[in-house]
PDB file of N, CA and C in Angstrom:
ATOM      1  N   MET A   1     -31.775-150.133  36.960  1.00  0.00           N
ATOM      2  CA  MET A   1     -32.328-148.861  37.011  1.00  0.00           C
ATOM      3  C   MET A   1     -31.565-147.844  37.474  1.00  0.00           C
ATOM      4  N   THR A   2     -31.592-146.740  37.288  1.00  0.00           N
ATOM      5  CA  THR A   2     -31.272-145.317  37.426  1.00  0.00           C
ATOM      6  C   THR A   2     -32.138-144.360  37.827  1.00  0.00           C
ATOM      7  N   ILE A   3     -32.131-144.039  39.220  1.00  0.00           N
ATOM      8  CA  ILE A   3     -33.132-142.959  39.372  1.00  0.00           C
ATOM      9  C   ILE A   3     -32.904-141.580  39.386  1.00  0.00           C
ATOM     10  N   ILE A   4     -32.824-140.819  39.098  1.00  0.00           N
ATOM     11  CA  ILE A   4     -32.796-139.130  39.053  1.00  0.00           C
ATOM     12  C   ILE A   4     -33.302-138.533  39.326  1.00  0.00           C
ATOM     13  N   LYS A   5     -32.976-137.441  40.504  1.00  0.00           N
ATOM     14  CA  LYS A   5     -34.120-136.910  41.310  1.00  0.00           C
ATOM     15  C   LYS A   5     -33.709-135.130  40.941  1.00  0.00           C
ATOM     16  N   ILE A   6     -34.453-134.718  40.433  1.00  0.00           N
ATOM     17  CA  ILE A   6     -34.509-133.091  40.543  1.00  0.00           C
ATOM     18  C   ILE A   6     -34.074-132.642  41.394  1.00  0.00           C
ATOM     19  N   ALA A   7     -33.150-131.194  41.031  1.00  0.00           N
ATOM     20  CA  ALA A   7     -32.653-130.448  41.918  1.00  0.00           C
ATOM     21  C   ALA A   7     -34.064-129.729  42.204  1.00  0.00           C
ATOM     22  N   ARG A   8     -34.196-129.282  43.632  1.00  0.00           N
ATOM     23  CA  ARG A   8     -35.363-128.097  43.758  1.00  0.00           C
ATOM     24  C   ARG A   8     -34.528-127.396  44.611  1.00  0.00           C
ATOM     25  N   LYS A   9     -35.138-126.038  44.749  1.00  0.00           N
ATOM     26  CA  LYS A   9     -34.924-124.647  45.399  1.00  0.00           C
ATOM     27  C   LYS A   9     -35.023-125.048  47.137  1.00  0.00           C
ATOM     28  N   LEU A  10     -33.983-124.603  47.641  1.00  0.00           N
ATOM     29  CA  LEU A  10     -34.531-125.187  49.129  1.00  0.00           C
ATOM     30  C   LEU A  10     -34.475-123.815  50.261  1.00  0.00           C
ATOM     31  N   LYS A  11     -35.523-123.645  50.483  1.00  0.00           N
ATOM     32  CA  LYS A  11     -36.094-122.524  51.474  1.00  0.00           C
ATOM     33  C   LYS A  11     -35.909-123.037  52.701  1.00  0.00           C
ATOM     34  N   ARG A  12     -35.314-121.946  53.412  1.00  0.00           N
ATOM     35  CA  ARG A  12     -34.700-122.074  54.892  1.00  0.00           C
ATOM     36  C   ARG A  12     -33.377-122.684  55.278  1.00  0.00           C
ATOM     37  N   ALA A  13     -32.718-123.487  54.643  1.00  0.00           N
ATOM     38  CA  ALA A  13     -31.367-123.920  54.393  1.00  0.00           C
ATOM     39  C   ALA A  13     -30.648-122.629  55.248  1.00  0.00           C
ATOM     40  N   VAL A  14     -29.684-123.347  56.126  1.00  0.00           N
ATOM     41  CA  VAL A  14     -28.664-122.373  56.870  1.00  0.00           C
ATOM     42  C   VAL A  14     -27.516-122.354  55.894  1.00  0.00           C
ATOM     43  N   VAL A  15     -26.528-121.366  55.922  1.00  0.00           N
ATOM     44  CA  VAL A  15     -25.468-121.265  55.162  1.00  0.00           C
ATOM     45  C   VAL A  15     -24.577-120.436  56.213  1.00  0.00           C
ATOM     46  N   LYS A  16     -23.355-120.861  55.928  1.00  0.00           N
ATOM     47  CA  LYS A  16     -22.002-119.752  56.690  1.00  0.00           C
ATOM     48  C   LYS A  16     -21.066-119.191  56.107  1.00  0.00           C
ATOM     49  N   LEU A  17     -21.034-117.652  56.292  1.00  0.00           N
ATOM     50  CA  LEU A  17     -19.898-117.199  55.489  1.00  0.00           C
ATOM     51  C   LEU A  17     -18.910-117.144  56.362  1.00  0.00           C
ATOM     52  N   GLN A  18     -17.249-117.536  56.080  1.00  0.00           N
ATOM     53  CA  GLN A  18     -16.377-117.345  57.432  1.00  0.00           C
ATOM     54  C   GLN A  18     -15.373-117.064  56.412  1.00  0.00           C
ATOM     55  N   CYS A  19     -14.617-115.698  57.124  1.00  0.00           N
ATOM     56  CA  CYS A  19     -13.484-115.092  56.640  1.00  0.00           C
ATOM     57  C   CYS A  19     -12.406-114.990  57.434  1.00  0.00           C
ATOM     58  N   ASN A  20     -11.708-115.578  56.879  1.00  0.00           N
ATOM     59  CA  ASN A  20     -10.469-115.800  58.135  1.00  0.00           C
ATOM     60  C   ASN A  20      -9.285-115.268  57.890  1.00  0.00           C
ATOM     61  N   SER A  21      -9.141-113.986  57.521  1.00  0.00           N
ATOM     62  CA  SER A  21      -7.901-113.121  57.161  1.00  0.00           C
ATOM     63  C   SER A  21      -6.831-113.087  58.219  1.00  0.00           C
ATOM     64  N   THR A  22      -5.536-112.309  58.191  1.00  0.00           N
ATOM     65  CA  THR A  22      -4.873-112.368  59.249  1.00  0.00           C
ATOM     66  C   THR A  22      -5.157-111.164  60.263  1.00  0.00           C
ATOM     67  N   LYS A  23      -5.783-109.986  59.593  1.00  0.00           N
ATOM     68  CA  LYS A  23      -6.100-108.987  60.531  1.00  0.00           C
ATOM     69  C   LYS A  23      -7.692-109.070  61.118  1.00  0.00           C
ATOM     70  N   TYR A  24      -8.642-109.347  60.163  1.00  0.00           N
ATOM     71  CA  TYR A  24      -9.947-109.591  60.763  1.00  0.00           C
ATOM     72  C   TYR A  24     -10.540-111.095  60.427  1.00  0.00           C
ATOM     73  N   LYS A  25     -11.873-111.291  61.779  1.00  0.00           N
ATOM     74  CA  LYS A  25     -12.389-112.707  61.493  1.00  0.00           C
ATOM     75  C   LYS A  25     -13.603-112.351  61.550  1.00  0.00           C
ATOM     76  N   PHE A  26     -14.452-112.550  60.621  1.00  0.00           N
ATOM     77  CA  PHE A  26     -15.943-112.654  60.214  1.00  0.00           C
ATOM     78  C   PHE A  26     -16.695-113.848  60.006  1.00  0.00           C
ATOM     79  N   VAL A  27     -17.704-113.958  60.983  1.00  0.00           N
ATOM     80  CA  VAL A  27     -18.569-115.265  60.635  1.00  0.00           C
ATOM     81  C   VAL A  27     -20.144-114.815  60.853  1.00  0.00           C
ATOM     82  N   GLN A  28     -20.979-115.462  59.852  1.00  0.00           N
ATOM     83  CA  GLN A  28     -22.227-114.918  59.953  1.00  0.00           C
ATOM     84  C   GLN A  28     -22.925-115.834  59.171  1.00  0.00           C
ATOM     85  N   THR A  29     -23.854-116.297  59.762  1.00  0.00           N
ATOM     86  CA  THR A  29     -24.994-117.540  59.545  1.00  0.00           C
ATOM     87  C   THR A  29     -26.213-116.731  58.832  1.00  0.00           C
ATOM     88  N   HIS A  30     -26.998-117.223  57.839  1.00  0.00           N
ATOM     89  CA  HIS A  30     -27.848-116.690  57.231  1.00  0.00           C
ATOM     90  C   HIS A  30     -28.783-118.137  56.692  1.00  0.00           C
ATOM     91  N   LYS A  31     -30.176-117.471  56.520  1.00  0.00           N
ATOM     92  CA  LYS A  31     -31.045-118.635  56.256  1.00  0.00           C
ATOM     93  C   LYS A  31     -31.456-118.130  54.580  1.00  0.00           C
ATOM     94  N   THR A  32     -31.495-118.943  53.532  1.00  0.00           N
ATOM     95  CA  THR A  32     -32.108-119.224  52.376  1.00  0.00           C
ATOM     96  C   THR A  32     -33.627-118.649  52.349  1.00  0.00           C
ATOM     97  N   ASP A  33     -33.788-117.737  51.443  1.00  0.00           N
ATOM     98  CA  ASP A  33     -35.429-117.387  50.934  1.00  0.00           C
ATOM     99  C   ASP A  33     -35.926-118.341  50.402  1.00  0.00           C
ATOM    100  N   LYS A  34     -37.254-118.192  49.917  1.00  0.00           N
ATOM    101  CA  LYS A  34     -38.008-118.873  49.086  1.00  0.00           C
ATOM    102  C   LYS A  34     -37.475-119.380  48.197  1.00  0.00           C
ATOM    103  N   ASN A  35     -36.839-118.799  47.295  1.00  0.00           N
ATOM    104  CA  ASN A  35     -36.032-119.061  46.459  1.00  0.00           C
ATOM    105  C   ASN A  35     -34.568-120.037  46.054  1.00  0.00           C
ATOM    106  N   GLY A  36     -34.177-120.321  47.569  1.00  0.00           N
ATOM    107  CA  GLY A  36     -33.121-120.759  47.762  1.00  0.00           C
ATOM    108  C   GLY A  36     -31.955-119.936  47.391  1.00  0.00           C
ATOM    109  N   TYR A  37     -32.115-118.353  47.531  1.00  0.00           N
ATOM    110  CA  TYR A  37     -30.682-117.987  47.640  1.00  0.00           C
ATOM    111  C   TYR A  37     -30.545-116.796  48.968  1.00  0.00           C
ATOM    112  N   PHE A  38     -29.367-116.503  49.501  1.00  0.00           N
ATOM    113  CA  PHE A  38     -29.315-115.589  50.576  1.00  0.00           C
ATOM    114  C   PHE A  38     -28.632-114.558  50.443  1.00  0.00           C
ATOM    115  N   PHE A  39     -28.159-113.741  51.167  1.00  0.00           N
ATOM    116  CA  PHE A  39     -27.405-112.468  50.942  1.00  0.00           C
ATOM    117  C   PHE A  39     -26.931-111.956  52.157  1.00  0.00           C
ATOM    118  N   ILE A  40     -25.633-111.791  52.251  1.00  0.00           N
ATOM    119  CA  ILE A  40     -24.991-111.594  53.753  1.00  0.00           C
ATOM    120  C   ILE A  40     -24.117-110.409  53.613  1.00  0.00           C
ATOM    121  N   GLU A  41     -24.349-109.405  54.479  1.00  0.00           N
ATOM    122  CA  GLU A  41     -23.661-108.357  53.927  1.00  0.00           C
ATOM    123  C   GLU A  41     -22.512-108.145  55.111  1.00  0.00           C
ATOM    124  N   GLY A  42     -21.458-107.825  54.856  1.00  0.00           N
ATOM    125  CA  GLY A  42     -20.231-107.626  55.679  1.00  0.00           C
ATOM    126  C   GLY A  42     -20.281-106.571  56.359  1.00  0.00           C
ATOM    127  N   PRO A  43     -19.785-106.232  57.412  1.00  0.00           N
ATOM    128  CA  PRO A  43     -19.777-105.191  58.292  1.00  0.00           C
ATOM    129  C   PRO A  43     -19.025-103.867  57.464  1.00  0.00           C
ATOM    130  N   LYS A  44     -19.976-102.608  57.708  1.00  0.00           N
ATOM    131  CA  LYS A  44     -19.486-101.750  56.814  1.00  0.00           C
ATOM    132  C   LYS A  44     -18.106-100.818  57.526  1.00  0.00           C
ATOM    133  N   SER A  45     -17.749-101.212  58.752  1.00  0.00           N
ATOM    134  CA  SER A  45     -16.657-100.943  59.640  1.00  0.00           C
ATOM    135  C   SER A  45     -15.148-101.514  58.904  1.00  0.00           C
ATOM    136  N   ILE A  46     -15.475-102.435  58.196  1.00  0.00           N
ATOM    137  CA  ILE A  46     -14.377-102.854  57.406  1.00  0.00           C
ATOM    138  C   ILE A  46     -14.247-102.415  56.192  1.00  0.00           C
ATOM    139  N   LYS A  47     -13.217-101.424  55.475  1.00  0.00           N
ATOM    140  CA  LYS A  47     -13.140-101.083  54.082  1.00  0.00           C
ATOM    141  C   LYS A  47     -12.731-102.241  53.514  1.00  0.00           C
ATOM    142  N   THR A  48     -11.928-103.535  54.117  1.00  0.00           N
ATOM    143  CA  THR A  48     -11.456-104.182  52.515  1.00  0.00           C
ATOM    144  C   THR A  48     -11.238-105.695  53.512  1.00  0.00           C
ATOM    145  N   TYR A  49     -11.708-106.398  52.668  1.00  0.00           N
ATOM    146  CA  TYR A  49     -11.460-108.251  53.073  1.00  0.00           C
ATOM    147  C   TYR A  49     -10.619-108.654  51.858  1.00  0.00           C
ATOM    148  N   ALA A  50     -10.305-110.061  52.436  1.00  0.00           N
ATOM    149  CA  ALA A  50      -9.349-110.508  51.190  1.00  0.00           C
ATOM    150  C   ALA A  50     -10.159-111.815  50.619  1.00  0.00           C
ATOM    151  N   PRO A  51     -11.194-111.598  49.989  1.00  0.00           N
ATOM    152  CA  PRO A  51     -12.342-112.342  49.662  1.00  0.00           C
ATOM    153  C   PRO A  51     -11.548-113.952  49.439  1.00  0.00           C
ATOM    154  N   HIS A  52     -10.386-113.953  49.006  1.00  0.00           N
ATOM    155  CA  HIS A  52      -9.988-115.123  48.652  1.00  0.00           C
ATOM    156  C   HIS A  52      -9.813-115.766  49.659  1.00  0.00           C
ATOM    157  N   LYS A  53      -9.732-115.129  51.073  1.00  0.00           N
ATOM    158  CA  LYS A  53      -9.930-116.146  52.558  1.00  0.00           C
ATOM    159  C   LYS A  53     -11.122-115.951  53.373  1.00  0.00           C
ATOM    160  N   CYS A  54     -12.063-116.048  52.292  1.00  0.00           N
ATOM    161  CA  CYS A  54     -13.614-116.296  52.757  1.00  0.00           C
ATOM    162  C   CYS A  54     -14.064-117.576  51.944  1.00  0.00           C
ATOM    163  N   ASN A  55     -14.981-118.527  52.717  1.00  0.00           N
ATOM    164  CA  ASN A  55     -15.551-119.413  52.283  1.00  0.00           C
ATOM    165  C   ASN A  55     -17.385-119.091  52.568  1.00  0.00           C
ATOM    166  N   VAL A  56     -18.075-119.997  51.923  1.00  0.00           N
ATOM    167  CA  VAL A  56     -19.057-120.712  52.709  1.00  0.00           C
ATOM    168  C   VAL A  56     -19.386-121.913  52.841  1.00  0.00           C
ATOM    169  N   VAL A  57     -20.156-122.273  53.664  1.00  0.00           N
ATOM    170  CA  VAL A  57     -20.455-123.720  54.084  1.00  0.00           C
ATOM    171  C   VAL A  57     -21.922-124.044  54.077  1.00  0.00           C
ATOM    172  N   LEU A  58     -22.509-125.079  54.284  1.00  0.00           N
ATOM    173  CA  LEU A  58     -23.660-125.605  54.403  1.00  0.00           C
ATOM    174  C   LEU A  58     -23.521-125.800  55.795  1.00  0.00           C
ATOM    175  N   VAL A  59     -24.660-125.363  56.459  1.00  0.00           N
ATOM    176  CA  VAL A  59     -24.560-125.894  58.203  1.00  0.00           C
ATOM    177  C   VAL A  59     -25.790-126.703  58.211  1.00  0.00           C
ATOM    178  N   SER A  60     -27.280-126.244  57.672  1.00  0.00           N
ATOM    179  CA  SER A  60     -28.089-127.276  57.853  1.00  0.00           C
ATOM    180  C   SER A  60     -29.262-127.094  57.019  1.00  0.00           C
ATOM    181  N   ALA A  61     -30.169-128.104  56.967  1.00  0.00           N
ATOM    182  CA  ALA A  61     -31.529-127.813  55.923  1.00  0.00           C
ATOM    183  C   ALA A  61     -32.429-128.566  56.664  1.00  0.00           C
ATOM    184  N   PRO A  62     -33.792-128.452  56.625  1.00  0.00           N
ATOM    185  CA  PRO A  62     -35.059-128.318  56.928  1.00  0.00           C
ATOM    186  C   PRO A  62     -35.013-129.988  56.062  1.00  0.00           C
ATOM    187  N   ASN A  63     -36.234-130.927  56.581  1.00  0.00           N
ATOM    188  CA  ASN A  63     -36.436-132.023  55.930  1.00  0.00           C
ATOM    189  C   ASN A  63     -35.373-133.026  56.273  1.00  0.00           C
ATOM    190  N   GLY A  64     -34.902-133.320  56.984  1.00  0.00           N
ATOM    191  CA  GLY A  64     -33.660-133.999  57.311  1.00  0.00           C
ATOM    192  C   GLY A  64     -32.657-134.439  56.042  1.00  0.00           C
ATOM    193  N   LEU A  65     -32.358-133.305  55.588  1.00  0.00           N
ATOM    194  CA  LEU A  65     -30.996-133.559  54.290  1.00  0.00           C
ATOM    195  C   LEU A  65     -29.863-132.804  55.307  1.00  0.00           C
ATOM    196  N   LYS A  66     -28.769-133.523  54.958  1.00  0.00           N
ATOM    197  CA  LYS A  66     -27.592-133.684  54.999  1.00  0.00           C
ATOM    198  C   LYS A  66     -27.019-132.738  53.791  1.00  0.00           C
ATOM    199  N   PRO A  67     -25.518-131.825  54.595  1.00  0.00           N
ATOM    200  CA  PRO A  67     -24.755-130.888  53.391  1.00  0.00           C
ATOM    201  C   PRO A  67     -23.893-131.640  52.650  1.00  0.00           C
ATOM    202  N   SER A  68     -24.068-131.608  51.155  1.00  0.00           N
ATOM    203  CA  SER A  68     -23.544-132.508  50.268  1.00  0.00           C
ATOM    204  C   SER A  68     -21.836-131.475  49.945  1.00  0.00           C
ATOM    205  N   ASN A  69     -20.937-132.127  49.353  1.00  0.00           N
ATOM    206  CA  ASN A  69     -19.826-131.003  49.018  1.00  0.00           C
ATOM    207  C   ASN A  69     -19.806-130.589  47.695  1.00  0.00           C
ATOM    208  N   LEU A  70     -21.005-130.831  47.139  1.00  0.00           N
ATOM    209  CA  LEU A  70     -20.979-130.206  45.908  1.00  0.00           C
ATOM    210  C   LEU A  70     -20.535-128.660  45.543  1.00  0.00           C
ATOM    211  N   ASN A  71     -19.572-128.483  44.755  1.00  0.00           N
ATOM    212  CA  ASN A  71     -18.941-127.135  44.757  1.00  0.00           C
ATOM    213  C   ASN A  71     -18.591-126.695  45.901  1.00  0.00           C
ATOM    214  N   GLY A  72     -18.112-127.735  46.729  1.00  0.00           N
ATOM    215  CA  GLY A  72     -17.621-127.065  47.941  1.00  0.00           C
ATOM    216  C   GLY A  72     -18.330-126.443  49.238  1.00  0.00           C
ATOM    217  N   GLY A  73     -19.757-127.252  49.314  1.00  0.00           N
ATOM    218  CA  GLY A  73     -20.424-126.885  50.045  1.00  0.00           C
ATOM    219  C   GLY A  73     -20.531-127.250  51.565  1.00  0.00           C
ATOM    220  N   LEU A  74     -19.751-128.219  51.875  1.00  0.00           N
ATOM    221  CA  LEU A  74     -19.102-128.828  53.100  1.00  0.00           C
ATOM    222  C   LEU A  74     -17.877-128.474  53.396  1.00  0.00           C
ATOM    223  N   THR A  75     -17.039-128.606  52.561  1.00  0.00           N
ATOM    224  CA  THR A  75     -15.421-127.920  52.819  1.00  0.00           C
ATOM    225  C   THR A  75     -15.001-126.557  52.501  1.00  0.00           C
ATOM    226  N   GLY A  76     -15.978-125.759  51.817  1.00  0.00           N
ATOM    227  CA  GLY A  76     -15.816-124.320  52.028  1.00  0.00           C
ATOM    228  C   GLY A  76     -16.024-123.996  50.393  1.00  0.00           C
ATOM    229  N   ALA A  77     -17.118-123.462  50.059  1.00  0.00           N
ATOM    230  CA  ALA A  77     -17.568-122.773  48.571  1.00  0.00           C
ATOM    231  C   ALA A  77     -16.418-121.764  48.636  1.00  0.00           C
ATOM    232  N   ALA A  78     -15.318-121.299  47.462  1.00  0.00           N
ATOM    233  CA  ALA A  78     -14.970-120.131  47.484  1.00  0.00           C
ATOM    234  C   ALA A  78     -15.631-119.090  46.893  1.00  0.00           C
ATOM    235  N   LEU A  79     -15.546-117.715  47.322  1.00  0.00           N
ATOM    236  CA  LEU A  79     -16.311-116.968  46.670  1.00  0.00           C
ATOM    237  C   LEU A  79     -15.521-116.398  45.298  1.00  0.00           C
ATOM    238  N   ARG A  80     -16.781-116.508  44.115  1.00  0.00           N
ATOM    239  CA  ARG A  80     -16.249-115.901  43.104  1.00  0.00           C
ATOM    240  C   ARG A  80     -16.463-114.281  42.918  1.00  0.00           C
ATOM    241  N   SER A  81     -15.522-113.766  42.210  1.00  0.00           N
ATOM    242  CA  SER A  81     -15.728-112.407  42.087  1.00  0.00           C
ATOM    243  C   SER A  81     -16.968-112.252  41.613  1.00  0.00           C
ATOM    244  N   GLY A  82     -17.571-111.076  41.565  1.00  0.00           N
ATOM    245  CA  GLY A  82     -18.936-110.884  41.330  1.00  0.00           C
ATOM    246  C   GLY A  82     -18.743-108.904  41.130  1.00  0.00           C
ATOM    247  N   LYS A  83     -19.900-108.301  40.580  1.00  0.00           N
ATOM    248  CA  LYS A  83     -19.853-107.164  40.410  1.00  0.00           C
ATOM    249  C   LYS A  83     -19.677-106.063  41.730  1.00  0.00           C
ATOM    250  N   PRO A  84     -18.911-104.464  41.487  1.00  0.00           N
ATOM    251  CA  PRO A  84     -19.593-103.885  41.911  1.00  0.00           C
ATOM    252  C   PRO A  84     -20.508-103.023  42.053  1.00  0.00           C
ATOM    253  N   TYR A  85     -21.119-102.721  42.867  1.00  0.00           N
ATOM    254  CA  TYR A  85     -22.307-101.485  42.838  1.00  0.00           C
ATOM    255  C   TYR A  85     -21.982-100.415  43.925  1.00  0.00           C
ATOM    256  N   VAL A  86     -22.939 -99.655  44.198  1.00  0.00           N
ATOM    257  CA  VAL A  86     -23.014 -98.524  45.113  1.00  0.00           C
ATOM    258  C   VAL A  86     -24.323 -97.994  45.568  1.00  0.00           C
ATOM    259  N   SER A  87     -24.281 -98.432  46.673  1.00  0.00           N
ATOM    260  CA  SER A  87     -25.937 -98.348  47.595  1.00  0.00           C
ATOM    261  C   SER A  87     -25.211 -97.207  48.817  1.00  0.00           C
ATOM    262  N   LYS A  88     -26.585 -96.086  48.703  1.00  0.00           N
ATOM    263  CA  LYS A  88     -26.345 -95.004  49.635  1.00  0.00           C
ATOM    264  C   LYS A  88     -24.859 -94.207  50.034  1.00  0.00           C
ATOM    265  N   GLY A  89     -24.406 -94.282  48.751  1.00  0.00           N
ATOM    266  CA  GLY A  89     -22.979 -93.991  49.009  1.00  0.00           C
ATOM    267  C   GLY A  89     -21.971 -94.687  49.235  1.00  0.00           C
ATOM    268  N   LEU A  90     -21.931 -95.604  49.429  1.00  0.00           N
ATOM    269  CA  LEU A  90     -20.777 -96.621  49.697  1.00  0.00           C
ATOM    270  C   LEU A  90     -20.945 -97.655  48.241  1.00  0.00           C
ATOM    271  N   HIS A  91     -19.255 -97.949  48.218  1.00  0.00           N
ATOM    272  CA  HIS A  91     -19.106 -98.948  47.162  1.00  0.00           C
ATOM    273  C   HIS A  91     -19.225-100.539  48.320  1.00  0.00           C
ATOM    274  N   PHE A  92     -19.870-101.373  47.238  1.00  0.00           N
ATOM    275  CA  PHE A  92     -19.982-102.874  47.287  1.00  0.00           C
ATOM    276  C   PHE A  92     -19.600-103.157  46.443  1.00  0.00           C
ATOM    277  N   THR A  93     -19.092-104.800  46.509  1.00  0.00           N
ATOM    278  CA  THR A  93     -18.972-105.802  45.440  1.00  0.00           C
ATOM    279  C   THR A  93     -19.817-106.839  45.835  1.00  0.00           C
ATOM    280  N   ILE A  94     -20.492-107.292  44.898  1.00  0.00           N
ATOM    281  CA  ILE A  94     -21.185-109.056  45.512  1.00  0.00           C
ATOM    282  C   ILE A  94     -20.466-109.860  44.587  1.00  0.00           C
ATOM    283  N   TYR A  95     -20.293-110.677  45.716  1.00  0.00           N
ATOM    284  CA  TYR A  95     -19.746-112.102  45.595  1.00  0.00           C
ATOM    285  C   TYR A  95     -20.313-113.105  45.340  1.00  0.00           C
ATOM    286  N   THR A  96     -20.297-114.151  44.573  1.00  0.00           N
ATOM    287  CA  THR A  96     -21.216-115.527  44.754  1.00  0.00           C
ATOM    288  C   THR A  96     -20.653-116.634  44.930  1.00  0.00           C
ATOM    289  N   VAL A  97     -21.079-117.583  45.078  1.00  0.00           N
ATOM    290  CA  VAL A  97     -20.960-119.306  45.171  1.00  0.00           C
ATOM    291  C   VAL A  97     -22.350-120.019  44.647  1.00  0.00           C
ATOM    292  N   GLY A  98     -21.510-121.436  44.478  1.00  0.00           N
ATOM    293  CA  GLY A  98     -22.509-122.136  44.161  1.00  0.00           C
ATOM    294  C   GLY A  98     -23.135-122.591  42.684  1.00  0.00           C
ATOM    295  N   PRO A  99     -23.612-123.291  42.650  1.00  0.00           N
ATOM    296  CA  PRO A  99     -24.677-123.644  43.108  1.00  0.00           C
ATOM    297  C   PRO A  99     -24.115-125.040  44.371  1.00  0.00           C
ATOM    298  N   LEU A 100     -24.625-124.695  45.492  1.00  0.00           N
ATOM    299  CA  LEU A 100     -24.697-125.933  46.428  1.00  0.00           C
ATOM    300  C   LEU A 100     -26.044-126.311  47.031  1.00  0.00           C
ATOM    301  N   ALA A 101     -25.518-127.932  47.033  1.00  0.00           N
ATOM    302  CA  ALA A 101     -26.711-129.013  47.403  1.00  0.00           C
ATOM    303  C   ALA A 101     -26.663-129.580  48.828  1.00  0.00           C
ATOM    304  N   PHE A 102     -27.716-129.765  48.972  1.00  0.00           N
ATOM    305  CA  PHE A 102     -28.097-130.717  49.992  1.00  0.00           C
ATOM    306  C   PHE A 102     -28.500-132.419  49.704  1.00  0.00           C
ATOM    307  N   GLU A 103     -28.230-133.249  50.392  1.00  0.00           N
ATOM    308  CA  GLU A 103     -28.644-134.776  49.829  1.00  0.00           C
ATOM    309  C   GLU A 103     -29.810-135.332  51.064  1.00  0.00           C
ATOM    310  N   PRO A 104     -30.151-136.137  50.936  1.00  0.00           N
ATOM    311  CA  PRO A 104     -30.951-137.013  51.883  1.00  0.00           C
ATOM    312  C   PRO A 104     -29.939-138.038  52.739  1.00  0.00           C
ATOM    313  N   LYS A 105     -30.198-138.207  53.964  1.00  0.00           N
ATOM    314  CA  LYS A 105     -29.473-139.039  54.923  1.00  0.00           C
ATOM    315  C   LYS A 105     -29.807-139.953  54.235  1.00  0.00           C
ATOM    316  N   CYS A 106     -28.399-141.408  54.723  1.00  0.00           N
ATOM    317  CA  CYS A 106     -28.740-142.462  53.621  1.00  0.00           C
ATOM    318  C   CYS A 106     -28.924-143.540  55.362  1.00  0.00           C
ATOM    319  N   PRO A 107     -30.592-144.252  55.789  1.00  0.00           N
ATOM    320  CA  PRO A 107     -30.510-144.647  56.653  1.00  0.00           C
ATOM    321  C   PRO A 107     -29.005-146.213  56.753  1.00  0.00           C
ATOM    322  N   ARG A 108     -28.733-146.391  57.878  1.00  0.00           N
ATOM    323  CA  ARG A 108     -27.501-147.483  58.272  1.00  0.00           C
ATOM    324  C   ARG A 108     -28.362-148.918  58.568  1.00  0.00           C
TER     325      ARG A 108
END
């Protein structure tokens, strides 16, 4: 018998964006919203980053779940090039990752 569990959006999971370029270091954590999404904005003082040196990792989740490595959730999910936009006269690019997932902890 095979049991298939349907994925669901995970509210209040903690994710971490880490960028390790040679010039700048940036680490920030954020909780997902009610739809399982997160938005982390880089500091405005830095004009350019090397997005290929940034990744997102899963940190924690409610309900005793553990991070899985689906799409690099444990080892670091690479940023995928997003679309540019302008907000308050500043130019930004939105990058995406995922989907990322948590899994149940198995009793030993």
